[in-house]
Amino acid sequence: MNPSVIIDNLGYLMVGAWPDGPVGGLALTLILSGLSGLASAALGLVLGIALAVSAGAARAALTAGLGFLRAVPVVMLIFWTYFLLPILFGVSIPEIGTVAVALSLVGGAYLSYGVAAGIASVGRGQWEAASRSASTPGAPCASSSSRRRCGPWHRPSSTNGPRSSRTRRSPT
């Protein structure tokens, strides 16, 4: 292998034909990664919450749709988005957009199951404690008339911090 070929074309490998032509190379890879990463994070969060709270036919339809997106190879999804989106919507979609959409759909489908699993992993007691306390950072306690604050966000003014496990109170 002749390394002079890589060295001579290093600029093209990094940014493609930009500024005289389209972006390519490493710059295009980073742009596509960033766009599809942000879109798949938002899509995965929304679909994951929907998957966690839905039931019945809605959950079955969502599970089938997400399972389909996870099962189809990414290259095939890119092919479908490149040729089917213009036919379905009657508009010309740029190539970079179709790749970003396909990668976002696949990434969002995988992330949605992670979000749903995270929500499902919260125990019943934690849900009950959160709903009963309904505390926000800095909100005063409902059951206390003193200046003491609820939650881990603010320590009570009567103590200098949490007690150590070795400190014992005398029963008085």
C-alpha atoms as a PDB file:
ATOM      1  CA  MET A   1       0.000   0.000   0.000  1.00  0.00           C
ATOM      2  CA  ASN A   2       1.228   3.436  -0.890  1.00  0.00           C
ATOM      3  CA  PRO A   3       0.632   5.930   1.976  1.00  0.00           C
ATOM      4  CA  SER A   4       1.112   8.884  -0.361  1.00  0.00           C
ATOM      5  CA  VAL A   5      -2.404   8.280  -1.757  1.00  0.00           C
ATOM      6  CA  ILE A   6      -3.912   8.876   1.682  1.00  0.00           C
ATOM      7  CA  ILE A   7      -1.675  11.843   2.418  1.00  0.00           C
ATOM      8  CA  ASP A   8      -2.414  13.449  -0.951  1.00  0.00           C
ATOM      9  CA  ASN A   9      -6.183  13.075  -0.474  1.00  0.00           C
ATOM     10  CA  LEU A  10      -6.380  13.788   3.269  1.00  0.00           C
ATOM     11  CA  GLY A  11      -8.365  16.994   2.805  1.00  0.00           C
ATOM     12  CA  TYR A  12     -10.974  15.184   0.712  1.00  0.00           C
ATOM     13  CA  LEU A  13     -11.183  12.357   3.244  1.00  0.00           C
ATOM     14  CA  MET A  14     -11.853  14.876   6.014  1.00  0.00           C
ATOM     15  CA  VAL A  15     -14.409  17.265   4.473  1.00  0.00           C
ATOM     16  CA  GLY A  16     -15.142  15.999   0.959  1.00  0.00           C
ATOM     17  CA  ALA A  17     -15.487  18.638  -1.756  1.00  0.00           C
ATOM     18  CA  TRP A  18     -16.601  21.350   0.678  1.00  0.00           C
ATOM     19  CA  PRO A  19     -16.567  24.477   0.285  1.00  0.00           C
ATOM     20  CA  ASP A  20     -16.791  24.044  -3.507  1.00  0.00           C
ATOM     21  CA  GLY A  21     -19.127  21.052  -3.306  1.00  0.00           C
ATOM     22  CA  PRO A  22     -21.019  18.901  -0.835  1.00  0.00           C
ATOM     23  CA  VAL A  23     -19.689  18.005   2.589  1.00  0.00           C
ATOM     24  CA  GLY A  24     -18.226  14.506   2.784  1.00  0.00           C
ATOM     25  CA  GLY A  25     -15.718  12.345   4.552  1.00  0.00           C
ATOM     26  CA  LEU A  26     -15.265  12.597   8.303  1.00  0.00           C
ATOM     27  CA  ALA A  27     -17.244  15.844   8.518  1.00  0.00           C
ATOM     28  CA  LEU A  28     -20.316  14.209   6.968  1.00  0.00           C
ATOM     29  CA  THR A  29     -19.993  11.261   9.324  1.00  0.00           C
ATOM     30  CA  LEU A  30     -19.911  13.575  12.340  1.00  0.00           C
ATOM     31  CA  ILE A  31     -22.871  15.616  11.057  1.00  0.00           C
ATOM     32  CA  LEU A  32     -24.974  12.495  10.452  1.00  0.00           C
ATOM     33  CA  SER A  33     -24.004  11.060  13.838  1.00  0.00           C
ATOM     34  CA  GLY A  34     -24.957  14.245  15.648  1.00  0.00           C
ATOM     35  CA  LEU A  35     -28.258  14.742  13.831  1.00  0.00           C
ATOM     36  CA  SER A  36     -29.393  11.154  14.127  1.00  0.00           C
ATOM     37  CA  GLY A  37     -28.191  10.919  17.731  1.00  0.00           C
ATOM     38  CA  LEU A  38     -30.222  13.937  18.843  1.00  0.00           C
ATOM     39  CA  ALA A  39     -33.295  12.873  16.890  1.00  0.00           C
ATOM     40  CA  SER A  40     -33.117   9.273  18.092  1.00  0.00           C
ATOM     41  CA  ALA A  41     -32.709  10.429  21.714  1.00  0.00           C
ATOM     42  CA  ALA A  42     -35.855  12.562  21.481  1.00  0.00           C
ATOM     43  CA  LEU A  43     -37.757   9.854  19.616  1.00  0.00           C
ATOM     44  CA  GLY A  44     -36.586   7.145  22.005  1.00  0.00           C
ATOM     45  CA  LEU A  45     -37.635   9.174  25.046  1.00  0.00           C
ATOM     46  CA  VAL A  46     -41.111   9.889  23.707  1.00  0.00           C
ATOM     47  CA  LEU A  47     -41.702   6.352  22.426  1.00  0.00           C
ATOM     48  CA  GLY A  48     -40.226   4.813  25.586  1.00  0.00           C
ATOM     49  CA  ILE A  49     -42.574   6.761  27.821  1.00  0.00           C
ATOM     50  CA  ALA A  50     -45.463   5.857  25.522  1.00  0.00           C
ATOM     51  CA  LEU A  51     -44.455   2.203  25.664  1.00  0.00           C
ATOM     52  CA  ALA A  52     -44.246   2.282  29.462  1.00  0.00           C
ATOM     53  CA  VAL A  53     -47.649   3.880  30.026  1.00  0.00           C
ATOM     54  CA  SER A  54     -49.651   2.285  27.208  1.00  0.00           C
ATOM     55  CA  ALA A  55     -51.722  -0.862  27.453  1.00  0.00           C
ATOM     56  CA  GLY A  56     -53.874  -3.068  25.256  1.00  0.00           C
ATOM     57  CA  ALA A  57     -54.089  -2.453  21.518  1.00  0.00           C
ATOM     58  CA  ALA A  58     -51.997   0.727  21.657  1.00  0.00           C
ATOM     59  CA  ARG A  59     -49.147  -1.119  23.352  1.00  0.00           C
ATOM     60  CA  ALA A  60     -49.398  -3.998  20.877  1.00  0.00           C
ATOM     61  CA  ALA A  61     -49.274  -1.608  17.895  1.00  0.00           C
ATOM     62  CA  LEU A  62     -46.341   0.311  19.387  1.00  0.00           C
ATOM     63  CA  THR A  63     -44.478  -2.903  20.169  1.00  0.00           C
ATOM     64  CA  ALA A  64     -45.055  -4.191  16.629  1.00  0.00           C
ATOM     65  CA  GLY A  65     -43.863  -0.939  15.060  1.00  0.00           C
ATOM     66  CA  LEU A  66     -40.755  -0.757  17.246  1.00  0.00           C
ATOM     67  CA  GLY A  67     -40.039  -4.431  16.676  1.00  0.00           C
ATOM     68  CA  PHE A  68     -40.280  -3.888  12.932  1.00  0.00           C
ATOM     69  CA  LEU A  69     -37.798  -0.993  13.065  1.00  0.00           C
ATOM     70  CA  ARG A  70     -35.404  -3.065  15.159  1.00  0.00           C
ATOM     71  CA  ALA A  71     -35.680  -6.104  12.874  1.00  0.00           C
ATOM     72  CA  VAL A  72     -35.142  -4.379   9.517  1.00  0.00           C
ATOM     73  CA  PRO A  73     -31.486  -3.933   8.528  1.00  0.00           C
ATOM     74  CA  VAL A  74     -30.384  -0.299   8.569  1.00  0.00           C
ATOM     75  CA  VAL A  75     -29.284  -0.387   4.920  1.00  0.00           C
ATOM     76  CA  MET A  76     -32.740  -1.568   3.872  1.00  0.00           C
ATOM     77  CA  LEU A  77     -34.377   1.180   5.928  1.00  0.00           C
ATOM     78  CA  ILE A  78     -32.116   3.771   4.279  1.00  0.00           C
ATOM     79  CA  PHE A  79     -33.145   2.364   0.873  1.00  0.00           C
ATOM     80  CA  TRP A  80     -36.835   2.574   1.786  1.00  0.00           C
ATOM     81  CA  THR A  81     -36.588   6.114   3.124  1.00  0.00           C
ATOM     82  CA  TYR A  82     -34.672   7.248   0.046  1.00  0.00           C
ATOM     83  CA  PHE A  83     -37.195   5.857  -2.437  1.00  0.00           C
ATOM     84  CA  LEU A  84     -40.495   5.670  -0.518  1.00  0.00           C
ATOM     85  CA  LEU A  85     -40.576   9.002   1.333  1.00  0.00           C
ATOM     86  CA  PRO A  86     -40.571  11.026  -1.925  1.00  0.00           C
ATOM     87  CA  ILE A  87     -43.338   8.812  -3.336  1.00  0.00           C
ATOM     88  CA  LEU A  88     -45.495   8.972  -0.182  1.00  0.00           C
ATOM     89  CA  PHE A  89     -45.119  12.694   0.471  1.00  0.00           C
ATOM     90  CA  GLY A  90     -44.478  13.885  -3.100  1.00  0.00           C
ATOM     91  CA  VAL A  91     -41.443  15.957  -2.151  1.00  0.00           C
ATOM     92  CA  SER A  92     -37.761  15.673  -2.886  1.00  0.00           C
ATOM     93  CA  ILE A  93     -35.823  14.766   0.254  1.00  0.00           C
ATOM     94  CA  PRO A  94     -32.038  15.235   0.309  1.00  0.00           C
ATOM     95  CA  GLU A  95     -29.866  12.151   0.638  1.00  0.00           C
ATOM     96  CA  ILE A  96     -28.410  13.245   3.950  1.00  0.00           C
ATOM     97  CA  GLY A  97     -31.936  13.702   5.314  1.00  0.00           C
ATOM     98  CA  THR A  98     -32.987  10.185   4.372  1.00  0.00           C
ATOM     99  CA  VAL A  99     -29.961   8.670   6.061  1.00  0.00           C
ATOM    100  CA  ALA A 100     -30.514  10.780   9.183  1.00  0.00           C
ATOM    101  CA  VAL A 101     -34.194   9.749   9.293  1.00  0.00           C
ATOM    102  CA  ALA A 102     -33.373   6.059   8.905  1.00  0.00           C
ATOM    103  CA  LEU A 103     -30.665   6.123  11.567  1.00  0.00           C
ATOM    104  CA  SER A 104     -32.933   8.101  13.899  1.00  0.00           C
ATOM    105  CA  LEU A 105     -35.774   5.612  13.532  1.00  0.00           C
ATOM    106  CA  VAL A 106     -33.543   2.653  14.322  1.00  0.00           C
ATOM    107  CA  GLY A 107     -31.772   4.397  17.194  1.00  0.00           C
ATOM    108  CA  GLY A 108     -35.062   5.672  18.606  1.00  0.00           C
ATOM    109  CA  ALA A 109     -36.564   2.177  18.487  1.00  0.00           C
ATOM    110  CA  TYR A 110     -33.676   0.710  20.459  1.00  0.00           C
ATOM    111  CA  LEU A 111     -33.595   3.584  22.954  1.00  0.00           C
ATOM    112  CA  SER A 112     -37.343   3.399  23.543  1.00  0.00           C
ATOM    113  CA  TYR A 113     -37.014  -0.101  24.970  1.00  0.00           C
ATOM    114  CA  GLY A 114     -34.247   1.130  27.272  1.00  0.00           C
ATOM    115  CA  VAL A 115     -36.404   4.014  28.510  1.00  0.00           C
ATOM    116  CA  ALA A 116     -39.405   1.726  29.030  1.00  0.00           C
ATOM    117  CA  ALA A 117     -37.237  -0.771  30.927  1.00  0.00           C
ATOM    118  CA  GLY A 118     -35.860   2.011  33.119  1.00  0.00           C
ATOM    119  CA  ILE A 119     -39.348   3.187  33.994  1.00  0.00           C
ATOM    120  CA  ALA A 120     -40.485  -0.388  34.656  1.00  0.00           C
ATOM    121  CA  SER A 121     -37.524  -0.964  36.979  1.00  0.00           C
ATOM    122  CA  VAL A 122     -38.708   1.667  39.459  1.00  0.00           C
ATOM    123  CA  GLY A 123     -40.295  -0.205  42.349  1.00  0.00           C
ATOM    124  CA  ARG A 124     -43.852   0.261  43.506  1.00  0.00           C
ATOM    125  CA  GLY A 125     -42.698   1.673  46.824  1.00  0.00           C
ATOM    126  CA  GLN A 126     -40.640   4.335  45.059  1.00  0.00           C
ATOM    127  CA  TRP A 127     -43.621   5.393  42.957  1.00  0.00           C
ATOM    128  CA  GLU A 128     -45.789   5.602  46.090  1.00  0.00           C
ATOM    129  CA  ALA A 129     -43.167   7.584  47.992  1.00  0.00           C
ATOM    130  CA  ALA A 130     -42.765  10.020  45.113  1.00  0.00           C
ATOM    131  CA  SER A 131     -46.496  10.530  44.702  1.00  0.00           C
ATOM    132  CA  ARG A 132     -47.057  10.978  48.443  1.00  0.00           C
ATOM    133  CA  SER A 133     -44.214  13.391  49.025  1.00  0.00           C
ATOM    134  CA  ALA A 134     -44.833  15.395  45.838  1.00  0.00           C
ATOM    135  CA  SER A 135     -41.874  17.500  46.848  1.00  0.00           C
ATOM    136  CA  THR A 136     -39.909  19.812  44.638  1.00  0.00           C
ATOM    137  CA  PRO A 137     -36.486  21.295  45.321  1.00  0.00           C
ATOM    138  CA  GLY A 138     -36.798  23.882  48.082  1.00  0.00           C
ATOM    139  CA  ALA A 139     -40.505  23.307  48.727  1.00  0.00           C
ATOM    140  CA  PRO A 140     -41.537  23.474  52.384  1.00  0.00           C
ATOM    141  CA  CYS A 141     -42.843  20.330  54.065  1.00  0.00           C
ATOM    142  CA  ALA A 142     -46.611  20.058  54.196  1.00  0.00           C
ATOM    143  CA  SER A 143     -46.589  18.492  57.661  1.00  0.00           C
ATOM    144  CA  SER A 144     -44.132  20.876  59.277  1.00  0.00           C
ATOM    145  CA  SER A 145     -44.742  24.409  60.440  1.00  0.00           C
ATOM    146  CA  SER A 146     -41.040  25.087  60.985  1.00  0.00           C
ATOM    147  CA  ARG A 147     -38.589  26.426  58.445  1.00  0.00           C
ATOM    148  CA  ARG A 148     -37.372  22.911  57.751  1.00  0.00           C
ATOM    149  CA  ARG A 149     -37.332  21.898  54.078  1.00  0.00           C
ATOM    150  CA  CYS A 150     -38.295  18.540  52.575  1.00  0.00           C
ATOM    151  CA  GLY A 151     -36.237  16.286  50.368  1.00  0.00           C
ATOM    152  CA  PRO A 152     -32.539  15.707  49.897  1.00  0.00           C
ATOM    153  CA  TRP A 153     -32.087  19.143  48.347  1.00  0.00           C
ATOM    154  CA  HIS A 154     -31.920  21.073  51.588  1.00  0.00           C
ATOM    155  CA  ARG A 155     -30.633  19.932  54.946  1.00  0.00           C
ATOM    156  CA  PRO A 156     -32.581  20.991  58.015  1.00  0.00           C
ATOM    157  CA  SER A 157     -31.053  23.953  59.787  1.00  0.00           C
ATOM    158  CA  SER A 158     -31.127  22.173  63.163  1.00  0.00           C
ATOM    159  CA  THR A 159     -28.372  19.712  62.200  1.00  0.00           C
ATOM    160  CA  ASN A 160     -24.922  20.100  60.762  1.00  0.00           C
ATOM    161  CA  GLY A 161     -25.359  17.285  58.300  1.00  0.00           C
ATOM    162  CA  PRO A 162     -26.268  13.622  58.349  1.00  0.00           C
ATOM    163  CA  ARG A 163     -25.403  11.639  61.434  1.00  0.00           C
ATOM    164  CA  SER A 164     -22.773   9.047  61.216  1.00  0.00           C
ATOM    165  CA  SER A 165     -23.794   5.455  61.772  1.00  0.00           C
ATOM    166  CA  ARG A 166     -21.691   5.390  64.973  1.00  0.00           C
ATOM    167  CA  THR A 167     -23.598   8.213  66.625  1.00  0.00           C
ATOM    168  CA  ARG A 168     -26.412   6.923  68.761  1.00  0.00           C
ATOM    169  CA  ARG A 169     -29.120   8.893  70.400  1.00  0.00           C
ATOM    170  CA  SER A 170     -29.867   8.181  73.996  1.00  0.00           C
ATOM    171  CA  PRO A 171     -33.502   7.271  74.605  1.00  0.00           C
ATOM    172  CA  THR A 172     -34.861  10.163  76.654  1.00  0.00           C
END
